[in-house]
N, C-alpha and C. Protein backbone atom coordinates (compact mmCIF):
# COMPACT_ATOMS: atom_id res chain seq x y z
N MET A 1 24.84 21.33 19.62
CA MET A 1 23.66 20.49 19.39
C MET A 1 22.54 21.31 18.76
N LYS A 2 22.41 22.57 19.19
CA LYS A 2 21.35 23.42 18.63
C LYS A 2 21.61 23.70 17.15
N THR A 3 22.87 23.80 16.76
CA THR A 3 23.21 24.08 15.38
C THR A 3 22.75 22.95 14.47
N ILE A 4 22.94 21.72 14.91
CA ILE A 4 22.52 20.56 14.10
C ILE A 4 21.00 20.56 13.93
N ALA A 5 20.28 20.85 14.99
CA ALA A 5 18.82 20.90 14.91
C ALA A 5 18.37 21.99 13.94
N ILE A 6 19.02 23.14 14.00
CA ILE A 6 18.67 24.24 13.10
C ILE A 6 18.96 23.86 11.65
N VAL A 7 20.07 23.18 11.41
CA VAL A 7 20.42 22.76 10.05
C VAL A 7 19.38 21.77 9.52
N PHE A 8 18.98 20.80 10.35
CA PHE A 8 17.98 19.82 9.91
C PHE A 8 16.62 20.47 9.63
N VAL A 9 16.21 21.40 10.46
CA VAL A 9 14.94 22.09 10.24
C VAL A 9 15.00 22.92 8.96
N ALA A 10 16.11 23.60 8.74
CA ALA A 10 16.26 24.40 7.53
C ALA A 10 16.26 23.52 6.28
N ALA A 11 16.93 22.38 6.35
CA ALA A 11 16.93 21.46 5.20
C ALA A 11 15.53 20.91 4.94
N GLY A 12 14.79 20.61 6.01
CA GLY A 12 13.41 20.13 5.84
C GLY A 12 12.52 21.17 5.21
N ILE A 13 12.66 22.42 5.63
CA ILE A 13 11.86 23.50 5.05
C ILE A 13 12.23 23.71 3.59
N ALA A 14 13.51 23.61 3.27
CA ALA A 14 13.94 23.76 1.88
C ALA A 14 13.38 22.64 1.01
N LEU A 15 13.41 21.40 1.51
CA LEU A 15 12.86 20.27 0.75
C LEU A 15 11.35 20.42 0.55
N LEU A 16 10.65 20.90 1.58
CA LEU A 16 9.21 21.13 1.44
C LEU A 16 8.94 22.20 0.38
N GLY A 17 9.72 23.26 0.38
CA GLY A 17 9.54 24.31 -0.62
C GLY A 17 9.79 23.80 -2.03
N VAL A 18 10.83 22.97 -2.19
CA VAL A 18 11.13 22.42 -3.51
C VAL A 18 10.01 21.50 -3.97
N SER A 19 9.49 20.67 -3.05
CA SER A 19 8.42 19.74 -3.45
C SER A 19 7.16 20.50 -3.84
N LEU A 20 6.87 21.59 -3.15
CA LEU A 20 5.70 22.39 -3.51
C LEU A 20 5.92 23.11 -4.84
N THR A 21 7.15 23.47 -5.13
CA THR A 21 7.45 24.14 -6.39
C THR A 21 7.23 23.21 -7.58
N PHE A 22 7.64 21.94 -7.42
CA PHE A 22 7.51 20.99 -8.52
C PHE A 22 6.16 20.29 -8.57
N GLY A 23 5.26 20.60 -7.66
CA GLY A 23 3.92 20.01 -7.66
C GLY A 23 3.07 20.68 -8.73
N ASN A 24 3.17 20.24 -9.96
CA ASN A 24 2.51 20.87 -11.09
C ASN A 24 1.15 20.21 -11.34
N PRO A 25 0.05 20.93 -11.18
CA PRO A 25 -1.26 20.32 -11.41
C PRO A 25 -1.49 19.90 -12.86
N ALA A 26 -0.74 20.47 -13.80
CA ALA A 26 -0.92 20.08 -15.19
C ALA A 26 -0.42 18.66 -15.43
N MET A 27 0.39 18.12 -14.52
CA MET A 27 0.90 16.76 -14.68
C MET A 27 -0.07 15.72 -14.13
N LEU A 28 -1.12 16.13 -13.46
CA LEU A 28 -2.09 15.18 -12.92
C LEU A 28 -2.89 14.55 -14.06
N PRO A 29 -3.35 13.30 -13.89
CA PRO A 29 -4.12 12.66 -14.96
C PRO A 29 -5.47 13.35 -15.14
N LYS A 30 -5.94 13.38 -16.38
CA LYS A 30 -7.24 13.97 -16.65
C LYS A 30 -8.32 13.00 -16.19
N HIS A 31 -9.36 13.53 -15.62
CA HIS A 31 -10.45 12.71 -15.09
C HIS A 31 -11.75 13.47 -15.22
N PRO A 32 -12.86 12.75 -15.20
CA PRO A 32 -14.14 13.46 -15.23
C PRO A 32 -14.33 14.26 -13.94
N GLY A 33 -14.90 15.43 -14.04
CA GLY A 33 -15.01 16.31 -12.88
C GLY A 33 -16.39 16.31 -12.27
N TYR A 34 -16.65 17.32 -11.49
CA TYR A 34 -17.94 17.48 -10.85
C TYR A 34 -18.90 18.15 -11.83
N PRO A 35 -20.22 18.06 -11.60
CA PRO A 35 -21.18 18.56 -12.58
C PRO A 35 -21.21 20.07 -12.76
N MET A 36 -20.32 20.81 -12.13
CA MET A 36 -20.38 22.26 -12.23
C MET A 36 -19.89 22.75 -13.59
N GLY A 37 -19.08 21.96 -14.28
CA GLY A 37 -18.62 22.37 -15.59
C GLY A 37 -17.87 23.69 -15.55
N LYS A 38 -18.32 24.69 -16.32
CA LYS A 38 -17.62 25.97 -16.40
C LYS A 38 -18.35 27.05 -15.61
N ALA A 39 -18.93 26.67 -14.46
CA ALA A 39 -19.66 27.64 -13.64
C ALA A 39 -18.70 28.68 -13.07
N VAL A 40 -19.15 29.94 -13.03
CA VAL A 40 -18.33 31.02 -12.50
C VAL A 40 -19.11 31.76 -11.42
N ASP A 41 -18.38 32.33 -10.50
CA ASP A 41 -18.97 33.12 -9.43
C ASP A 41 -19.49 34.42 -10.04
N PRO A 42 -20.76 34.81 -9.80
CA PRO A 42 -21.29 36.02 -10.43
C PRO A 42 -20.64 37.30 -9.91
N VAL A 43 -20.07 37.26 -8.71
CA VAL A 43 -19.49 38.47 -8.14
C VAL A 43 -18.06 38.68 -8.63
N THR A 44 -17.22 37.66 -8.48
CA THR A 44 -15.80 37.82 -8.80
C THR A 44 -15.46 37.35 -10.21
N GLY A 45 -16.30 36.50 -10.79
CA GLY A 45 -16.03 35.99 -12.13
C GLY A 45 -15.05 34.83 -12.14
N GLN A 46 -14.63 34.34 -10.94
CA GLN A 46 -13.71 33.21 -10.86
C GLN A 46 -14.48 31.91 -10.97
N SER A 47 -13.79 30.88 -11.41
CA SER A 47 -14.39 29.56 -11.52
C SER A 47 -14.71 29.01 -10.14
N VAL A 48 -15.87 28.37 -10.00
CA VAL A 48 -16.24 27.79 -8.70
C VAL A 48 -16.02 26.28 -8.67
N ALA A 49 -15.57 25.70 -9.74
CA ALA A 49 -15.32 24.25 -9.78
C ALA A 49 -13.85 23.99 -9.48
N ASN A 50 -13.56 22.81 -8.94
CA ASN A 50 -12.17 22.44 -8.68
C ASN A 50 -11.43 22.18 -9.98
N ASP A 51 -12.13 21.69 -10.95
CA ASP A 51 -11.50 21.39 -12.24
C ASP A 51 -12.43 21.87 -13.35
N PRO A 52 -12.40 23.15 -13.66
CA PRO A 52 -13.34 23.70 -14.63
C PRO A 52 -13.12 23.12 -16.02
N GLY A 53 -14.22 22.93 -16.72
CA GLY A 53 -14.14 22.46 -18.09
C GLY A 53 -14.12 20.95 -18.24
N GLN A 54 -14.02 20.21 -17.14
CA GLN A 54 -14.04 18.75 -17.24
C GLN A 54 -15.47 18.27 -17.45
N ALA A 55 -15.61 17.13 -18.08
CA ALA A 55 -16.94 16.55 -18.29
C ALA A 55 -17.51 16.06 -16.97
N ASN A 56 -18.83 15.92 -16.92
CA ASN A 56 -19.47 15.41 -15.71
C ASN A 56 -19.06 13.97 -15.47
N ALA A 57 -18.90 13.61 -14.20
CA ALA A 57 -18.54 12.24 -13.85
C ALA A 57 -19.78 11.37 -13.95
N LYS A 58 -19.69 10.34 -14.75
CA LYS A 58 -20.78 9.37 -14.85
C LYS A 58 -20.38 8.18 -13.98
N THR A 59 -21.29 7.73 -13.15
CA THR A 59 -20.96 6.76 -12.12
C THR A 59 -20.31 5.50 -12.67
N GLN A 60 -20.94 4.85 -13.64
CA GLN A 60 -20.40 3.59 -14.15
C GLN A 60 -19.07 3.80 -14.86
N GLU A 61 -18.97 4.86 -15.64
CA GLU A 61 -17.70 5.15 -16.32
C GLU A 61 -16.59 5.43 -15.32
N ALA A 62 -16.92 6.21 -14.29
CA ALA A 62 -15.91 6.55 -13.28
C ALA A 62 -15.45 5.31 -12.54
N LEU A 63 -16.36 4.42 -12.18
CA LEU A 63 -15.99 3.18 -11.49
C LEU A 63 -15.13 2.29 -12.37
N ARG A 64 -15.50 2.17 -13.63
CA ARG A 64 -14.74 1.32 -14.55
C ARG A 64 -13.34 1.90 -14.76
N ASP A 65 -13.26 3.20 -14.99
CA ASP A 65 -11.96 3.82 -15.21
C ASP A 65 -11.08 3.73 -13.96
N ALA A 66 -11.68 3.86 -12.78
CA ALA A 66 -10.91 3.74 -11.55
C ALA A 66 -10.41 2.32 -11.37
N ALA A 67 -11.21 1.33 -11.79
CA ALA A 67 -10.80 -0.07 -11.63
C ALA A 67 -9.64 -0.43 -12.55
N ILE A 68 -9.58 0.15 -13.74
CA ILE A 68 -8.53 -0.23 -14.69
C ILE A 68 -7.38 0.77 -14.72
N PHE A 69 -7.41 1.80 -13.87
CA PHE A 69 -6.41 2.87 -13.93
C PHE A 69 -4.98 2.34 -13.77
N ASP A 70 -4.76 1.45 -12.81
CA ASP A 70 -3.39 1.05 -12.47
C ASP A 70 -3.08 -0.38 -12.90
N ASP A 71 -3.87 -0.95 -13.80
CA ASP A 71 -3.66 -2.35 -14.19
C ASP A 71 -2.30 -2.59 -14.83
N ALA A 72 -1.84 -1.70 -15.65
CA ALA A 72 -0.59 -1.93 -16.36
C ALA A 72 0.58 -2.06 -15.40
N ARG A 73 0.56 -1.32 -14.31
CA ARG A 73 1.68 -1.37 -13.37
C ARG A 73 1.52 -2.47 -12.33
N SER A 74 0.29 -2.74 -11.91
CA SER A 74 0.09 -3.66 -10.80
C SER A 74 -0.23 -5.09 -11.23
N LYS A 75 -0.39 -5.33 -12.53
CA LYS A 75 -0.73 -6.67 -13.00
C LYS A 75 0.49 -7.57 -12.91
N GLN A 76 0.28 -8.79 -12.41
CA GLN A 76 1.37 -9.74 -12.30
C GLN A 76 1.54 -10.47 -13.63
N SER A 77 2.75 -10.46 -14.14
CA SER A 77 3.03 -11.19 -15.37
C SER A 77 4.26 -12.07 -15.12
N LEU A 78 4.01 -13.36 -15.01
CA LEU A 78 5.08 -14.31 -14.71
C LEU A 78 5.71 -14.81 -16.00
N LEU A 79 6.95 -15.22 -15.90
CA LEU A 79 7.64 -15.79 -17.05
C LEU A 79 7.04 -17.16 -17.38
N PHE A 80 7.11 -17.55 -18.65
CA PHE A 80 6.57 -18.83 -19.09
C PHE A 80 7.43 -19.96 -18.54
N ASN A 81 6.78 -20.96 -17.95
CA ASN A 81 7.48 -22.10 -17.39
C ASN A 81 7.10 -23.35 -18.19
N GLN A 82 8.07 -23.99 -18.83
CA GLN A 82 7.78 -25.16 -19.67
C GLN A 82 7.29 -26.34 -18.85
N ASN A 83 7.63 -26.42 -17.59
CA ASN A 83 7.18 -27.53 -16.75
C ASN A 83 5.68 -27.46 -16.48
N ASP A 84 5.08 -26.29 -16.60
CA ASP A 84 3.65 -26.16 -16.35
C ASP A 84 2.80 -26.77 -17.46
N GLU A 85 3.39 -27.06 -18.62
CA GLU A 85 2.62 -27.66 -19.72
C GLU A 85 2.15 -29.06 -19.37
N ARG A 86 2.87 -29.75 -18.50
CA ARG A 86 2.53 -31.13 -18.14
C ARG A 86 1.46 -31.21 -17.06
N LEU A 87 1.12 -30.11 -16.42
CA LEU A 87 0.19 -30.15 -15.28
C LEU A 87 -1.22 -30.52 -15.72
N LEU A 88 -1.82 -31.46 -15.00
CA LEU A 88 -3.22 -31.81 -15.21
C LEU A 88 -4.09 -31.23 -14.10
N GLU A 89 -3.56 -31.24 -12.88
CA GLU A 89 -4.36 -30.80 -11.75
C GLU A 89 -3.42 -30.34 -10.64
N LYS A 90 -3.78 -29.24 -10.00
CA LYS A 90 -3.04 -28.77 -8.83
C LYS A 90 -3.95 -28.95 -7.61
N PRO A 91 -3.71 -29.97 -6.80
CA PRO A 91 -4.63 -30.23 -5.70
C PRO A 91 -4.53 -29.24 -4.55
N GLY A 92 -3.42 -28.58 -4.36
CA GLY A 92 -3.33 -27.59 -3.30
C GLY A 92 -1.99 -27.63 -2.60
N ALA A 93 -1.93 -26.90 -1.50
CA ALA A 93 -0.66 -26.77 -0.77
C ALA A 93 -0.29 -28.09 -0.12
N GLY A 94 0.97 -28.46 -0.20
CA GLY A 94 1.48 -29.66 0.46
C GLY A 94 1.25 -30.94 -0.31
N LEU A 95 0.56 -30.88 -1.44
CA LEU A 95 0.29 -32.07 -2.24
C LEU A 95 0.95 -31.94 -3.60
N LEU A 96 1.42 -33.05 -4.13
CA LEU A 96 2.05 -33.02 -5.44
C LEU A 96 0.99 -32.91 -6.53
N PRO A 97 1.25 -32.16 -7.59
CA PRO A 97 0.28 -32.05 -8.68
C PRO A 97 0.28 -33.30 -9.54
N ARG A 98 -0.86 -33.55 -10.22
CA ARG A 98 -0.92 -34.64 -11.21
C ARG A 98 -0.39 -34.09 -12.52
N VAL A 99 0.49 -34.85 -13.16
CA VAL A 99 1.10 -34.41 -14.40
C VAL A 99 0.98 -35.50 -15.45
N GLN A 100 1.14 -35.12 -16.72
CA GLN A 100 1.20 -36.10 -17.80
C GLN A 100 2.56 -36.79 -17.72
N GLY A 101 2.56 -38.08 -18.00
CA GLY A 101 3.82 -38.82 -17.95
C GLY A 101 3.83 -39.78 -16.78
N PRO A 102 5.01 -40.21 -16.38
CA PRO A 102 5.09 -41.22 -15.32
C PRO A 102 4.62 -40.68 -13.98
N ASN A 103 3.95 -41.56 -13.21
CA ASN A 103 3.54 -41.18 -11.86
C ASN A 103 4.73 -41.36 -10.94
N ILE A 104 5.17 -40.31 -10.36
CA ILE A 104 6.32 -40.36 -9.46
C ILE A 104 5.77 -40.28 -8.04
N THR A 105 6.11 -41.26 -7.24
CA THR A 105 5.69 -41.24 -5.85
C THR A 105 6.93 -41.07 -4.98
N ILE A 106 6.77 -40.34 -3.94
CA ILE A 106 7.87 -40.12 -3.02
C ILE A 106 7.58 -40.91 -1.76
N GLU A 107 8.43 -41.88 -1.48
CA GLU A 107 8.26 -42.71 -0.30
C GLU A 107 8.81 -41.95 0.91
N PRO A 108 8.20 -42.16 2.07
CA PRO A 108 8.75 -41.52 3.27
C PRO A 108 10.13 -42.09 3.58
N PRO A 109 11.03 -41.29 4.11
CA PRO A 109 12.39 -41.78 4.36
C PRO A 109 12.45 -42.87 5.43
N VAL A 110 11.49 -42.91 6.34
CA VAL A 110 11.47 -43.93 7.40
C VAL A 110 10.15 -44.67 7.31
N LYS A 111 10.21 -46.02 7.17
CA LYS A 111 8.97 -46.79 7.06
C LYS A 111 8.48 -47.24 8.43
N GLU A 112 9.41 -47.49 9.33
CA GLU A 112 8.99 -47.95 10.64
C GLU A 112 9.99 -47.43 11.66
N GLY A 113 9.50 -46.93 12.75
CA GLY A 113 10.37 -46.42 13.80
C GLY A 113 10.85 -47.55 14.72
N THR A 114 11.84 -47.29 15.52
CA THR A 114 12.31 -48.30 16.48
C THR A 114 11.33 -48.38 17.63
N LYS A 115 11.11 -49.61 18.10
CA LYS A 115 10.15 -49.81 19.19
C LYS A 115 10.91 -49.78 20.51
N VAL A 116 10.35 -49.06 21.45
CA VAL A 116 10.94 -48.94 22.77
C VAL A 116 9.95 -49.53 23.75
N SER A 117 10.44 -50.40 24.61
CA SER A 117 9.53 -50.98 25.60
C SER A 117 9.23 -49.95 26.68
N ALA A 118 8.07 -50.09 27.26
CA ALA A 118 7.64 -49.12 28.26
C ALA A 118 8.39 -49.28 29.58
N ALA A 119 8.82 -50.51 29.87
CA ALA A 119 9.52 -50.76 31.13
C ALA A 119 11.02 -50.78 30.88
N PRO A 120 11.77 -49.86 31.44
CA PRO A 120 13.23 -49.88 31.23
C PRO A 120 13.87 -51.05 31.98
N GLU A 121 14.91 -51.63 31.45
CA GLU A 121 15.57 -52.77 32.09
C GLU A 121 16.85 -52.39 32.74
């Protein structure tokens, strides 16, 4: 039983290592960064920004770009339905829509129920 646990832990560690290896920051989408631009540390000379060289994030542009970022993948696009051309009005759930052409009414299957007397005989 201990051997199986050791094998699973080793496989998990190997998968984690592989995922970290393929986590390439160059594949991330380009986005406006923080206002630090190309600021460098005066002591070490290293960049102090998370994403050096990116333009400053402008609030309205950033909000607009964030809103449209995933539209192509998440937008619903339904196939064209020829029956929808006849629709005049969709009243809502449980009700039949009004359409061009003949008015079709659906009668209830039972018009009158059987009457049962209250006093059994």
